[in-house]
Amino acid sequence: MTDTEAVLLELTKEPKIAYFSMEIGVHNDIPTYSGGLGVLAGDTIRSSADLKLPLVAVTLLTKKGYFTQDINESGWQVEHPTLWDPAQYMQLLAPRTTVQIGGKDVHVQAWLYNVQSLTGGNIPVFFLDTDIPANSPEDREITSSLYGGDLAYRLKQEIVLGIGGVRILHEMGFEIKKFHMNEGHASLLTLELLNRFKKPIEDVWDEKLVWDKRSVTNLCVFTTHTPVEAGHDKFPYDLVARVMGEIIPISTLQELAGKDNLNLTKLALNLSRYINGVAKKHGEVSKSMFPGYEIHAITNGVHSFTWTSDYFKRLYDEYLPGWANEPEVFVRVGRIPDERLWKAHMEAKNHLVGYIREQTGVEFSPDILTLGFARRATAYKRADLLFRDLDRLERMGSGKLQIVYAGKAHPKDDPGKKLIQNIIQYKERLKGRINIVYLKNYNMDISLKIVSGVDIWMNTPLRPLEASGTSGMKATHNGVMNFSVLDGWWIEGHIEGFTGWSIGPPPNELTPGADADVRDSEDLYNKLEYIILPMYYNDRHTWIRMMQNAIGKNAYYFNTHRMMRRYVTEAYIR
């Protein structure tokens, strides 16, 4: 028996949940993620390993990564490929499969990366790869770049992920009892399942019953992550015919995925027994976007151990033993003396200050109130809302405020790149009065430094376009309060003046008004000037109480251990 055969024999001993995601962030140096969706997928897998869940994950290898970010002298983002060698991190497996793309066979292989937990749990992650000599040069590039290329390239990737993923799991000998599609990118797997459950035509009278949709639906779970229409992949049927061919009859496909275009979200909605959004508000928004479907809500979380700084890990180990695998013990945060909590925070802050000095040459002070804003740079997240009234910001913040920014814009998102450029220009205009840095090439390591090292975490999306937002959850694990628009998870985590502060009005509008920027920025300035800055500089006792509340009321609940237990009981064992 070969080593590969022995590995697969061990992995296939029991039925599994198959978790499919276009991107998964399992390691900072494995650039197979672009942002929140991939990092959440990684946290999902890490918690599954801690909890010893019978899960396997399937994703794409993306040998050129997402991209390495640079910012030129004008403040404009420039992208470069991120070249890496998968052999340094994972094992190439022998089983292969093929998918039909453009009327020819494309060969798919898989690399194995094991996510192992100190609890003894292990989750195999299979990275699919078409960079094989048997494929044409064009087809070898299909799994090169995450979210790269044109519509045809995107469709090819999703064929490899969905159809190729099901086939290679079958080749390896897995018995899958549920297929969990993390966003619509993976929903072509349902077409492969339809063919596997196709009934012999002589056994039925109605042609529509040839496709056993009920068996497929009973196997599938679908999580939708975006309330932004552009985030739902759609492909013209002439492109589908040219690239994918007729996997199932076109009339059946149109019935399941839309008459005019192949809508991958609609395909997943029609062939999943359990469907959920990623926060309570997002569940409501999704119901309004897709009327007629039963859509539940399981609010996202983060992997507590991964997103807690070393300084707080040591503190929690001392006062809250067992916290890493039982985050609910964070409710006992009152055991930690105030001075120890503040000391751990200042250690994390000094670590960030040192990193900023090393990367940018800018001298931040650990004694000045520091705001953090780091996430994907795109228009609806309004990264520049803080600068709407520069004179007022300068008046209240000069010598009292410093700001850390980070985040990548999609290579084709020029408005997102313009946001970055605007922030760079504001940075120069405020130089000498309010220190601002934009840290390049945002990744998991940089994220941990920022979420643990700032004093306040800001989030300013245009309501109701933030499905969940997990960066603020990471901040709470490090005693950092949120100052954010009431959207996504913060609606559930927010208690005004207790766990943090809101920006703008209550979350009761499905369509934001034209004056949203004006209302939100005015509230932001008022709370920053009259509540947050005075409390930070004059009332350390109340500030530390709020730090405790962020940990004891937010971190204890908004974690992937709680999230995965809900998926098991509500989605997987139904």
Protein backbone atom coordinates (compact mmCIF):
# COMPACT_ATOMS: atom_id res chain seq x y z
CA MET A 1 0.00 0.00 0.00
CA THR A 2 1.36 3.42 -0.97
CA ASP A 3 1.54 6.36 1.44
CA THR A 4 -1.31 8.06 -0.45
CA GLU A 5 -3.49 4.97 -0.23
CA ALA A 6 -2.83 4.71 3.49
CA VAL A 7 -3.73 8.39 4.00
CA LEU A 8 -6.96 8.07 2.05
CA LEU A 9 -7.91 4.82 3.75
CA GLU A 10 -7.69 6.55 7.10
CA LEU A 11 -9.60 9.64 5.89
CA THR A 12 -12.46 7.69 4.31
CA LYS A 13 -13.31 5.48 7.30
CA GLU A 14 -16.51 7.35 8.14
CA PRO A 15 -19.06 9.48 6.23
CA LYS A 16 -18.18 13.17 5.99
CA ILE A 17 -19.60 16.63 5.53
CA ALA A 18 -18.00 18.15 2.41
CA TYR A 19 -17.42 21.90 2.78
CA PHE A 20 -16.86 23.63 -0.58
CA SER A 21 -15.46 27.17 -0.78
CA MET A 22 -13.83 29.06 -3.65
CA GLU A 23 -11.25 30.43 -1.22
CA ILE A 24 -9.92 29.16 2.11
CA GLY A 25 -7.36 30.87 4.32
CA VAL A 26 -5.62 28.05 6.17
CA HIS A 27 -2.24 29.76 6.60
CA ASN A 28 -0.92 33.28 6.16
CA ASP A 29 1.71 32.14 3.64
CA ILE A 30 -0.71 30.08 1.53
CA PRO A 31 -2.33 32.87 -0.55
CA THR A 32 -5.55 31.04 -1.44
CA TYR A 33 -7.82 33.67 0.09
CA SER A 34 -8.73 37.27 -0.71
CA GLY A 35 -10.50 38.41 2.43
CA GLY A 36 -13.40 37.75 4.76
CA LEU A 37 -14.99 34.81 2.90
CA GLY A 38 -11.75 32.82 2.76
CA VAL A 39 -10.66 33.68 6.29
CA LEU A 40 -14.09 32.67 7.60
CA ALA A 41 -13.73 29.37 5.72
CA GLY A 42 -10.37 28.82 7.40
CA ASP A 43 -11.85 29.60 10.82
CA THR A 44 -14.73 27.20 10.08
CA ILE A 45 -12.25 24.43 9.40
CA ARG A 46 -10.11 25.23 12.45
CA SER A 47 -13.14 25.05 14.75
CA SER A 48 -14.26 21.84 13.05
CA ALA A 49 -10.86 20.35 13.86
CA ASP A 50 -11.09 21.52 17.50
CA LEU A 51 -14.57 20.01 17.77
CA LYS A 52 -13.53 16.82 15.93
CA LEU A 53 -16.29 17.15 13.35
CA PRO A 54 -16.35 14.66 10.44
CA LEU A 55 -15.68 17.28 7.78
CA VAL A 56 -13.55 17.57 4.64
CA ALA A 57 -12.98 20.79 2.70
CA VAL A 58 -12.58 21.41 -1.03
CA THR A 59 -11.18 24.56 -2.64
CA LEU A 60 -8.91 25.76 -5.48
CA LEU A 61 -5.13 25.88 -5.31
CA THR A 62 -4.61 29.30 -7.05
CA LYS A 63 -0.85 29.03 -7.59
CA LYS A 64 -0.55 32.77 -8.33
CA GLY A 65 -2.63 33.64 -5.29
CA TYR A 66 -4.93 36.65 -5.17
CA PHE A 67 -2.23 39.29 -5.64
CA THR A 68 0.56 41.13 -3.86
CA GLN A 69 -0.43 44.74 -3.30
CA ASP A 70 1.78 47.76 -3.89
CA ILE A 71 0.78 51.42 -3.79
CA ASN A 72 2.58 53.77 -6.17
CA GLU A 73 3.61 57.39 -5.60
CA SER A 74 0.19 58.68 -6.66
CA GLY A 75 -1.53 56.42 -4.12
CA TRP A 76 -2.87 54.01 -6.76
CA GLN A 77 -2.92 50.26 -6.05
CA VAL A 78 -0.70 48.08 -8.25
CA GLU A 79 -1.04 44.28 -8.34
CA HIS A 80 1.65 41.61 -8.73
CA PRO A 81 1.28 37.79 -8.83
CA THR A 82 2.02 35.94 -5.59
CA LEU A 83 4.09 32.94 -6.58
CA TRP A 84 4.39 30.12 -4.06
CA ASP A 85 5.21 26.43 -4.00
CA PRO A 86 2.42 24.18 -2.69
CA ALA A 87 4.90 21.33 -2.16
CA GLN A 88 6.31 23.26 0.81
CA TYR A 89 2.99 23.04 2.66
CA MET A 90 0.97 20.11 1.34
CA GLN A 91 1.05 16.65 -0.21
CA LEU A 92 0.16 15.90 -3.83
CA LEU A 93 -2.25 12.96 -3.99
CA ALA A 94 -2.37 10.32 -6.71
CA PRO A 95 -6.13 10.22 -7.51
CA ARG A 96 -7.18 12.44 -10.41
CA THR A 97 -10.39 13.18 -12.23
CA THR A 98 -11.49 15.03 -15.35
CA VAL A 99 -14.10 17.66 -16.15
CA GLN A 100 -15.36 18.74 -19.55
CA ILE A 101 -14.44 22.32 -20.40
CA GLY A 102 -14.75 23.68 -23.92
CA GLY A 103 -15.58 20.25 -25.28
CA LYS A 104 -12.44 18.53 -24.01
CA ASP A 105 -11.25 16.73 -20.92
CA VAL A 106 -9.41 18.83 -18.35
CA HIS A 107 -7.45 16.82 -15.78
CA VAL A 108 -7.73 17.78 -12.09
CA GLN A 109 -5.43 16.73 -9.26
CA ALA A 110 -5.61 17.46 -5.55
CA TRP A 111 -3.15 18.58 -2.90
CA LEU A 112 -3.81 17.64 0.73
CA TYR A 113 -3.35 20.06 3.61
CA ASN A 114 -4.25 18.84 7.09
CA VAL A 115 -5.62 21.29 9.64
CA GLN A 116 -4.75 19.71 12.96
CA SER A 117 -5.97 20.69 16.41
CA LEU A 118 -4.40 20.22 19.81
CA THR A 119 -7.63 18.41 20.72
CA GLY A 120 -6.64 15.63 18.31
CA GLY A 121 -9.04 16.66 15.57
CA ASN A 122 -7.92 16.75 11.94
CA ILE A 123 -9.65 18.24 8.90
CA PRO A 124 -8.30 17.43 5.42
CA VAL A 125 -8.43 20.30 2.93
CA PHE A 126 -8.19 19.35 -0.76
CA PHE A 127 -6.78 22.03 -3.05
CA LEU A 128 -7.78 21.35 -6.68
CA ASP A 129 -5.17 22.00 -9.36
CA THR A 130 -5.20 21.88 -13.18
CA ASP A 131 -1.50 22.70 -13.62
CA ILE A 132 -0.79 19.23 -15.05
CA PRO A 133 1.31 18.42 -18.16
CA ALA A 134 -1.61 16.44 -19.63
CA ASN A 135 -3.61 19.70 -19.92
CA SER A 136 -3.18 22.41 -22.55
CA PRO A 137 -1.27 25.55 -21.48
CA GLU A 138 -4.56 27.44 -21.30
CA ASP A 139 -6.21 24.82 -19.10
CA ARG A 140 -3.18 24.60 -16.82
CA GLU A 141 -3.89 28.24 -15.90
CA ILE A 142 -7.48 27.64 -14.75
CA THR A 143 -6.46 27.32 -11.10
CA SER A 144 -3.78 30.00 -11.20
CA SER A 145 -5.43 33.24 -10.03
CA LEU A 146 -8.15 33.74 -7.45
CA TYR A 147 -11.02 35.78 -8.93
CA GLY A 148 -8.90 36.59 -11.97
CA GLY A 149 -9.68 36.67 -15.67
CA ASP A 150 -12.98 37.15 -17.49
CA LEU A 151 -16.40 35.50 -17.12
CA ALA A 152 -15.27 32.42 -19.05
CA TYR A 153 -12.26 32.00 -16.74
CA ARG A 154 -14.51 32.34 -13.69
CA LEU A 155 -16.93 29.72 -15.05
CA LYS A 156 -14.07 27.33 -15.74
CA GLN A 157 -12.86 27.70 -12.15
CA GLU A 158 -16.32 27.02 -10.80
CA ILE A 159 -16.65 23.90 -12.97
CA VAL A 160 -13.38 22.62 -11.49
CA LEU A 161 -14.47 23.47 -7.95
CA GLY A 162 -18.04 22.15 -8.05
CA ILE A 163 -18.05 19.32 -10.57
CA GLY A 164 -14.38 18.40 -10.23
CA GLY A 165 -14.62 18.55 -6.44
CA VAL A 166 -17.47 16.04 -6.25
CA ARG A 167 -15.73 13.73 -8.72
CA ILE A 168 -12.37 13.73 -6.97
CA LEU A 169 -13.98 13.02 -3.59
CA HIS A 170 -15.67 10.06 -5.25
CA GLU A 171 -12.34 8.90 -6.74
CA MET A 172 -10.79 9.02 -3.28
CA GLY A 173 -13.54 6.84 -1.83
CA PHE A 174 -15.37 9.35 0.39
CA GLU A 175 -18.96 8.84 1.44
CA ILE A 176 -20.48 12.30 1.71
CA LYS A 177 -23.64 12.78 3.76
CA LYS A 178 -23.93 16.56 3.22
CA PHE A 179 -22.46 19.04 0.74
CA HIS A 180 -22.10 22.53 2.23
CA MET A 181 -21.74 25.25 -0.40
CA ASN A 182 -20.03 28.28 1.11
CA GLU A 183 -21.42 30.91 -1.30
CA GLY A 184 -22.72 30.27 -4.82
CA HIS A 185 -19.30 29.70 -6.40
CA ALA A 186 -19.59 25.99 -5.55
CA SER A 187 -23.17 25.42 -6.69
CA LEU A 188 -22.29 23.59 -9.92
CA LEU A 189 -21.68 20.60 -7.67
CA THR A 190 -25.47 20.18 -7.68
CA LEU A 191 -25.38 19.39 -11.41
CA GLU A 192 -22.92 16.57 -10.82
CA LEU A 193 -25.14 15.27 -8.05
CA LEU A 194 -28.21 15.43 -10.31
CA ASN A 195 -26.45 13.15 -12.78
CA ARG A 196 -25.43 10.77 -10.02
CA PHE A 197 -29.04 10.53 -8.84
CA LYS A 198 -30.54 10.32 -12.33
CA LYS A 199 -33.17 7.60 -12.53
CA PRO A 200 -33.39 5.21 -15.51
CA ILE A 201 -35.94 6.72 -17.85
CA GLU A 202 -37.87 3.45 -18.19
CA ASP A 203 -38.68 3.60 -14.46
CA VAL A 204 -40.65 6.86 -14.70
CA TRP A 205 -43.48 8.30 -16.71
CA ASP A 206 -42.83 12.02 -16.26
CA GLU A 207 -39.63 13.21 -17.96
CA LYS A 208 -39.06 15.84 -15.23
CA LEU A 209 -38.74 13.05 -12.68
CA VAL A 210 -35.67 11.69 -14.46
CA TRP A 211 -33.72 14.27 -12.44
CA ASP A 212 -34.08 13.25 -8.81
CA LYS A 213 -34.00 16.72 -7.34
CA ARG A 214 -35.28 15.58 -3.95
CA SER A 215 -32.26 13.35 -3.29
CA VAL A 216 -29.89 16.15 -4.30
CA THR A 217 -31.74 18.74 -2.21
CA ASN A 218 -31.58 16.50 0.86
CA LEU A 219 -27.79 16.40 0.52
CA CYS A 220 -27.17 20.14 0.11
CA VAL A 221 -26.66 23.07 2.47
CA PHE A 222 -26.17 26.59 1.11
CA THR A 223 -24.76 29.65 2.87
CA THR A 224 -25.17 32.96 1.06
CA HIS A 225 -22.80 35.73 2.10
CA THR A 226 -23.64 38.81 0.09
CA PRO A 227 -26.56 41.22 -0.04
CA VAL A 228 -24.83 43.00 -2.96
CA GLU A 229 -26.38 42.01 -6.30
CA ALA A 230 -23.01 42.05 -8.09
CA GLY A 231 -21.74 39.40 -5.67
CA HIS A 232 -24.01 36.72 -7.17
CA ASP A 233 -22.37 35.03 -10.18
CA LYS A 234 -24.40 34.94 -13.40
CA PHE A 235 -23.35 33.51 -16.76
CA PRO A 236 -25.05 33.92 -20.18
CA TYR A 237 -26.30 30.59 -21.51
CA ASP A 238 -24.36 30.93 -24.76
CA LEU A 239 -21.16 31.10 -22.66
CA VAL A 240 -22.38 28.14 -20.57
CA ALA A 241 -22.98 26.10 -23.74
CA ARG A 242 -19.53 26.94 -25.08
CA VAL A 243 -17.57 26.38 -21.85
CA MET A 244 -19.54 23.78 -19.86
CA GLY A 245 -21.67 22.07 -22.48
CA GLU A 246 -24.97 20.41 -21.63
CA ILE A 247 -24.39 18.58 -18.35
CA ILE A 248 -28.14 18.40 -17.86
CA PRO A 249 -30.81 19.42 -20.40
CA ILE A 250 -30.88 23.18 -20.89
CA SER A 251 -34.61 23.31 -20.09
CA THR A 252 -33.98 21.70 -16.69
CA LEU A 253 -31.02 24.00 -16.02
CA GLN A 254 -33.12 27.08 -16.84
CA GLU A 255 -35.83 25.84 -14.50
CA LEU A 256 -33.31 25.54 -11.68
CA ALA A 257 -30.94 28.44 -12.33
CA GLY A 258 -32.93 31.12 -14.16
CA LYS A 259 -34.41 31.58 -17.61
CA ASP A 260 -32.07 34.30 -18.92
CA ASN A 261 -28.74 33.51 -17.22
CA LEU A 262 -27.18 30.71 -15.20
CA ASN A 263 -27.53 32.26 -11.74
CA LEU A 264 -25.40 30.21 -9.36
CA THR A 265 -27.15 31.56 -6.28
CA LYS A 266 -30.55 30.59 -7.66
CA LEU A 267 -29.22 27.14 -8.56
CA ALA A 268 -28.06 26.64 -4.96
CA LEU A 269 -31.33 28.00 -3.54
CA ASN A 270 -33.38 25.57 -5.63
CA LEU A 271 -31.31 22.52 -4.74
CA SER A 272 -30.61 22.97 -1.02
CA ARG A 273 -32.69 21.75 1.87
CA TYR A 274 -31.12 24.21 4.31
CA ILE A 275 -30.27 27.81 3.33
CA ASN A 276 -28.87 30.48 5.61
CA GLY A 277 -27.57 34.00 5.75
CA VAL A 278 -24.66 34.95 7.99
CA ALA A 279 -26.35 37.32 10.47
CA LYS A 280 -29.94 37.88 11.56
CA LYS A 281 -30.23 41.07 9.52
CA HIS A 282 -28.62 39.41 6.51
CA GLY A 283 -31.18 36.60 6.74
CA GLU A 284 -33.95 39.23 6.49
CA VAL A 285 -32.25 41.00 3.59
CA SER A 286 -31.75 37.69 1.78
CA LYS A 287 -35.45 36.88 2.13
CA SER A 288 -36.28 40.20 0.49
CA MET A 289 -33.78 39.52 -2.31
CA PHE A 290 -35.01 35.96 -2.87
CA PRO A 291 -38.72 35.88 -1.95
CA GLY A 292 -40.32 32.48 -1.64
CA TYR A 293 -37.34 30.68 -0.11
CA GLU A 294 -37.01 29.64 3.52
CA ILE A 295 -33.79 31.32 4.56
CA HIS A 296 -32.43 30.90 8.08
CA ALA A 297 -29.67 32.83 9.81
CA ILE A 298 -26.54 31.55 11.52
CA THR A 299 -24.41 34.49 12.53
CA ASN A 300 -20.74 34.15 11.64
CA GLY A 301 -17.95 33.86 14.17
CA VAL A 302 -14.15 33.78 14.28
CA HIS A 303 -11.74 31.15 15.55
CA SER A 304 -10.95 32.39 19.03
CA PHE A 305 -7.42 30.97 19.37
CA THR A 306 -6.32 32.19 15.92
CA TRP A 307 -7.55 35.77 16.43
CA THR A 308 -6.32 36.36 19.97
CA SER A 309 -2.90 38.01 20.32
CA ASP A 310 -0.15 36.23 22.25
CA TYR A 311 -0.45 38.83 25.01
CA PHE A 312 -4.12 38.03 25.59
CA LYS A 313 -3.59 34.30 25.14
CA ARG A 314 -1.23 34.32 28.11
CA LEU A 315 -3.70 36.37 30.12
CA TYR A 316 -6.63 34.07 29.30
CA ASP A 317 -4.58 30.96 30.01
CA GLU A 318 -3.92 32.31 33.50
CA TYR A 319 -7.41 33.50 34.42
CA LEU A 320 -9.77 31.66 32.03
CA PRO A 321 -8.32 28.15 31.53
CA GLY A 322 -9.97 26.22 28.69
CA TRP A 323 -11.06 29.41 26.86
CA ALA A 324 -9.66 28.32 23.48
CA ASN A 325 -11.99 25.35 23.11
CA GLU A 326 -14.78 26.75 25.29
CA PRO A 327 -15.05 30.44 24.35
CA GLU A 328 -18.18 30.72 26.48
CA VAL A 329 -15.91 31.07 29.52
CA PHE A 330 -15.18 34.61 28.33
CA VAL A 331 -18.26 35.60 30.37
CA ARG A 332 -15.98 35.25 33.41
CA VAL A 333 -13.67 38.01 32.17
CA GLY A 334 -14.32 39.91 35.42
CA ARG A 335 -11.77 37.57 37.05
CA ILE A 336 -8.99 39.43 35.21
CA PRO A 337 -7.62 42.43 37.18
CA ASP A 338 -7.98 45.76 35.41
CA GLU A 339 -4.26 46.45 35.42
CA ARG A 340 -3.48 43.09 33.79
CA LEU A 341 -6.08 43.65 31.07
CA TRP A 342 -4.66 47.09 30.33
CA LYS A 343 -1.10 45.79 30.36
CA ALA A 344 -1.93 43.08 27.79
CA HIS A 345 -3.62 45.68 25.60
CA MET A 346 -0.63 48.02 25.77
CA GLU A 347 1.73 45.16 24.90
CA ALA A 348 -0.36 44.43 21.79
CA LYS A 349 -0.49 48.15 20.97
CA ASN A 350 3.28 48.56 21.31
CA HIS A 351 3.74 45.56 19.02
CA LEU A 352 1.59 47.27 16.36
CA VAL A 353 3.40 50.59 16.86
CA GLY A 354 6.73 48.83 16.29
CA TYR A 355 5.43 47.13 13.14
CA ILE A 356 4.17 50.45 11.76
CA ARG A 357 7.57 52.07 12.40
CA GLU A 358 9.34 49.14 10.71
CA GLN A 359 7.07 49.15 7.63
CA THR A 360 6.43 52.87 7.10
CA GLY A 361 8.91 54.86 9.17
CA VAL A 362 5.98 56.66 10.84
CA GLU A 363 6.23 57.06 14.61
CA PHE A 364 2.92 56.23 16.25
CA SER A 365 2.59 56.84 19.99
CA PRO A 366 1.21 54.08 22.25
CA ASP A 367 -0.39 56.83 24.36
CA ILE A 368 -2.60 58.26 21.59
CA LEU A 369 -6.09 56.92 20.81
CA THR A 370 -5.71 54.67 17.78
CA LEU A 371 -8.51 53.82 15.33
CA GLY A 372 -8.31 50.76 13.06
CA PHE A 373 -10.03 50.26 9.71
CA ALA A 374 -8.90 47.24 7.68
CA ARG A 375 -11.02 45.33 5.16
CA ARG A 376 -11.63 44.95 1.44
CA ALA A 377 -11.46 48.35 -0.22
CA THR A 378 -14.75 48.76 -2.05
CA ALA A 379 -17.18 51.65 -2.35
CA TYR A 380 -20.01 50.46 -0.10
CA LYS A 381 -17.67 50.05 2.87
CA ARG A 382 -17.04 53.84 2.82
CA ALA A 383 -13.48 53.75 4.14
CA ASP A 384 -13.23 57.54 3.70
CA LEU A 385 -16.37 58.47 5.68
CA LEU A 386 -14.14 59.61 8.54
CA PHE A 387 -12.72 62.36 6.28
CA ARG A 388 -16.03 63.90 5.20
CA ASP A 389 -15.31 67.04 7.30
CA LEU A 390 -11.52 67.37 7.41
CA ASP A 391 -11.56 70.62 9.38
CA ARG A 392 -13.64 69.11 12.16
CA LEU A 393 -11.58 65.93 12.23
CA GLU A 394 -8.38 67.96 12.49
CA ARG A 395 -9.83 70.23 15.18
CA MET A 396 -10.90 67.37 17.46
CA GLY A 397 -8.13 64.91 16.65
CA SER A 398 -4.93 66.91 16.31
CA GLY A 399 -2.41 65.34 18.67
CA LYS A 400 -5.14 63.09 20.10
CA LEU A 401 -5.84 60.64 17.30
CA GLN A 402 -3.96 58.27 14.99
CA ILE A 403 -5.43 55.95 12.38
CA VAL A 404 -4.37 52.63 10.84
CA TYR A 405 -5.78 51.59 7.45
CA ALA A 406 -5.24 48.43 5.40
CA GLY A 407 -7.06 46.46 2.71
CA LYS A 408 -6.92 45.44 -0.93
CA ALA A 409 -9.23 46.51 -3.74
CA HIS A 410 -10.19 43.92 -6.38
CA PRO A 411 -7.93 44.48 -9.44
CA LYS A 412 -10.99 45.48 -11.51
CA ASP A 413 -12.57 47.67 -8.83
CA ASP A 414 -11.44 51.17 -9.80
CA PRO A 415 -13.78 52.90 -7.29
CA GLY A 416 -12.17 50.74 -4.58
CA LYS A 417 -8.71 51.76 -5.76
CA LYS A 418 -9.84 55.40 -5.76
CA LEU A 419 -10.83 55.01 -2.10
CA ILE A 420 -7.29 53.91 -1.26
CA GLN A 421 -5.87 56.84 -3.22
CA ASN A 422 -8.18 59.27 -1.39
CA ILE A 423 -7.02 57.98 1.99
CA ILE A 424 -3.37 58.37 0.96
CA GLN A 425 -4.12 61.99 -0.01
CA TYR A 426 -5.92 62.70 3.28
CA LYS A 427 -2.94 61.19 5.08
CA GLU A 428 -0.64 63.75 3.46
CA ARG A 429 -2.98 66.67 4.15
CA LEU A 430 -3.21 65.81 7.86
CA LYS A 431 0.50 65.04 8.26
CA GLY A 432 1.98 66.49 11.43
CA ARG A 433 -1.43 66.80 13.09
CA ILE A 434 -3.05 63.35 12.80
CA ASN A 435 -0.81 60.41 11.94
CA ILE A 436 -2.35 58.04 9.38
CA VAL A 437 -0.80 54.96 7.79
CA TYR A 438 -2.02 52.64 5.05
CA LEU A 439 -0.38 49.24 5.53
CA LYS A 440 0.17 47.42 2.24
CA ASN A 441 -0.54 43.82 1.35
CA TYR A 442 -3.12 43.13 4.06
CA ASN A 443 -3.08 39.47 5.15
CA MET A 444 -3.91 37.32 8.16
CA ASP A 445 -0.75 38.19 10.11
CA ILE A 446 -1.18 41.94 9.58
CA SER A 447 -4.85 41.65 10.47
CA LEU A 448 -4.05 40.12 13.87
CA LYS A 449 -1.56 42.91 14.60
CA ILE A 450 -4.16 45.58 13.81
CA VAL A 451 -7.27 44.08 15.46
CA SER A 452 -5.32 43.51 18.69
CA GLY A 453 -3.24 46.68 18.66
CA VAL A 454 -5.73 49.47 18.04
CA ASP A 455 -8.02 50.98 20.69
CA ILE A 456 -11.16 51.24 18.56
CA TRP A 457 -12.31 49.16 15.59
CA MET A 458 -14.29 51.11 12.98
CA ASN A 459 -16.69 49.81 10.33
CA THR A 460 -18.74 52.17 8.17
CA PRO A 461 -20.65 50.15 5.53
CA LEU A 462 -23.66 51.55 3.73
CA ARG A 463 -26.65 49.78 5.31
CA PRO A 464 -27.76 47.04 4.68
CA LEU A 465 -24.87 45.92 2.47
CA GLU A 466 -22.67 44.34 5.17
CA ALA A 467 -23.74 40.71 5.38
CA SER A 468 -21.84 40.03 8.60
CA GLY A 469 -18.36 41.50 8.95
CA THR A 470 -16.03 39.37 11.05
CA SER A 471 -13.07 41.71 11.61
CA GLY A 472 -14.90 43.42 14.47
CA MET A 473 -15.39 40.04 16.15
CA LYS A 474 -11.64 39.51 16.05
CA ALA A 475 -11.12 42.86 17.74
CA THR A 476 -13.42 41.92 20.63
CA HIS A 477 -11.27 38.88 21.42
CA ASN A 478 -8.52 41.37 22.24
CA GLY A 479 -10.61 43.74 24.33
CA VAL A 480 -11.03 46.24 21.48
CA MET A 481 -14.42 47.94 21.23
CA ASN A 482 -16.34 48.45 18.00
CA PHE A 483 -17.46 51.85 16.72
CA SER A 484 -19.57 50.84 13.77
CA VAL A 485 -22.67 51.24 11.63
CA LEU A 486 -25.52 49.03 12.84
CA ASP A 487 -25.35 46.41 10.13
CA GLY A 488 -24.35 42.75 9.94
CA TRP A 489 -23.22 41.17 13.21
CA TRP A 490 -22.90 44.49 15.07
CA ILE A 491 -26.70 44.77 15.31
CA GLU A 492 -26.54 41.67 17.52
CA GLY A 493 -23.34 42.54 19.39
CA HIS A 494 -23.97 46.23 20.05
CA ILE A 495 -25.04 47.65 23.41
CA GLU A 496 -24.52 51.41 23.23
CA GLY A 497 -21.87 52.64 25.64
CA PHE A 498 -21.41 49.12 26.98
CA THR A 499 -19.81 46.94 24.27
CA GLY A 500 -19.01 49.87 21.97
CA TRP A 501 -20.82 52.54 19.99
CA SER A 502 -23.06 52.76 16.94
CA ILE A 503 -22.66 55.06 13.96
CA GLY A 504 -25.87 56.42 12.48
CA PRO A 505 -29.52 55.46 12.95
CA PRO A 506 -31.11 52.16 13.99
CA PRO A 507 -30.99 49.31 11.41
CA ASN A 508 -34.58 49.56 10.23
CA GLU A 509 -34.18 50.55 6.59
CA LEU A 510 -33.70 48.07 3.72
CA THR A 511 -32.76 50.88 1.33
CA PRO A 512 -30.40 53.57 2.64
CA GLY A 513 -31.53 57.17 2.20
CA ALA A 514 -29.69 59.65 0.02
CA ASP A 515 -28.53 61.47 3.14
CA ALA A 516 -26.87 58.39 4.69
CA ASP A 517 -23.33 59.80 4.41
CA VAL A 518 -24.37 63.08 6.02
CA ARG A 519 -26.25 61.45 8.92
CA ASP A 520 -23.62 58.81 9.59
CA SER A 521 -20.62 61.15 9.47
CA GLU A 522 -22.31 63.66 11.79
CA ASP A 523 -23.01 60.93 14.36
CA LEU A 524 -19.46 59.59 13.95
CA TYR A 525 -17.93 63.01 14.67
CA ASN A 526 -20.22 63.75 17.62
CA LYS A 527 -19.52 60.47 19.39
CA LEU A 528 -15.81 60.60 18.66
CA GLU A 529 -15.48 64.18 19.92
CA TYR A 530 -17.84 64.19 22.89
CA ILE A 531 -17.82 60.57 24.15
CA ILE A 532 -14.91 58.45 22.92
CA LEU A 533 -11.97 60.87 23.08
CA PRO A 534 -12.91 62.23 26.55
CA MET A 535 -13.44 58.73 27.93
CA TYR A 536 -10.11 57.45 26.59
CA TYR A 537 -8.10 60.34 28.04
CA ASN A 538 -10.07 61.06 31.24
CA ASP A 539 -11.89 57.91 32.38
CA ARG A 540 -9.64 54.84 32.18
CA HIS A 541 -11.87 52.93 34.61
CA THR A 542 -14.94 53.09 32.33
CA TRP A 543 -12.78 52.33 29.28
CA ILE A 544 -11.50 49.11 30.85
CA ARG A 545 -15.06 48.15 31.88
CA MET A 546 -16.03 48.43 28.21
CA MET A 547 -13.01 46.35 27.20
CA GLN A 548 -14.25 43.65 29.58
CA ASN A 549 -17.74 43.90 28.11
CA ALA A 550 -16.40 43.49 24.58
CA ILE A 551 -14.78 40.22 25.65
CA GLY A 552 -17.52 38.96 27.97
CA LYS A 553 -20.54 39.92 25.83
CA ASN A 554 -19.15 39.69 22.28
CA ALA A 555 -16.15 37.34 22.07
CA TYR A 556 -17.93 34.67 24.13
CA TYR A 557 -20.66 34.40 21.46
CA PHE A 558 -19.24 35.55 18.12
CA ASN A 559 -16.89 32.63 17.54
CA THR A 560 -16.85 29.72 15.10
CA HIS A 561 -17.21 27.11 17.84
CA ARG A 562 -20.72 28.39 18.54
CA MET A 563 -21.34 28.82 14.81
CA MET A 564 -20.31 25.25 13.92
CA ARG A 565 -22.40 23.74 16.70
CA ARG A 566 -25.39 25.48 15.14
CA TYR A 567 -24.53 24.21 11.66
CA VAL A 568 -24.33 20.68 13.02
CA THR A 569 -27.68 20.78 14.79
CA GLU A 570 -29.63 22.90 12.30
CA ALA A 571 -28.13 22.07 8.91
CA TYR A 572 -26.07 18.88 8.94
CA ILE A 573 -28.20 16.42 10.91
CA ARG A 574 -31.59 17.45 9.53
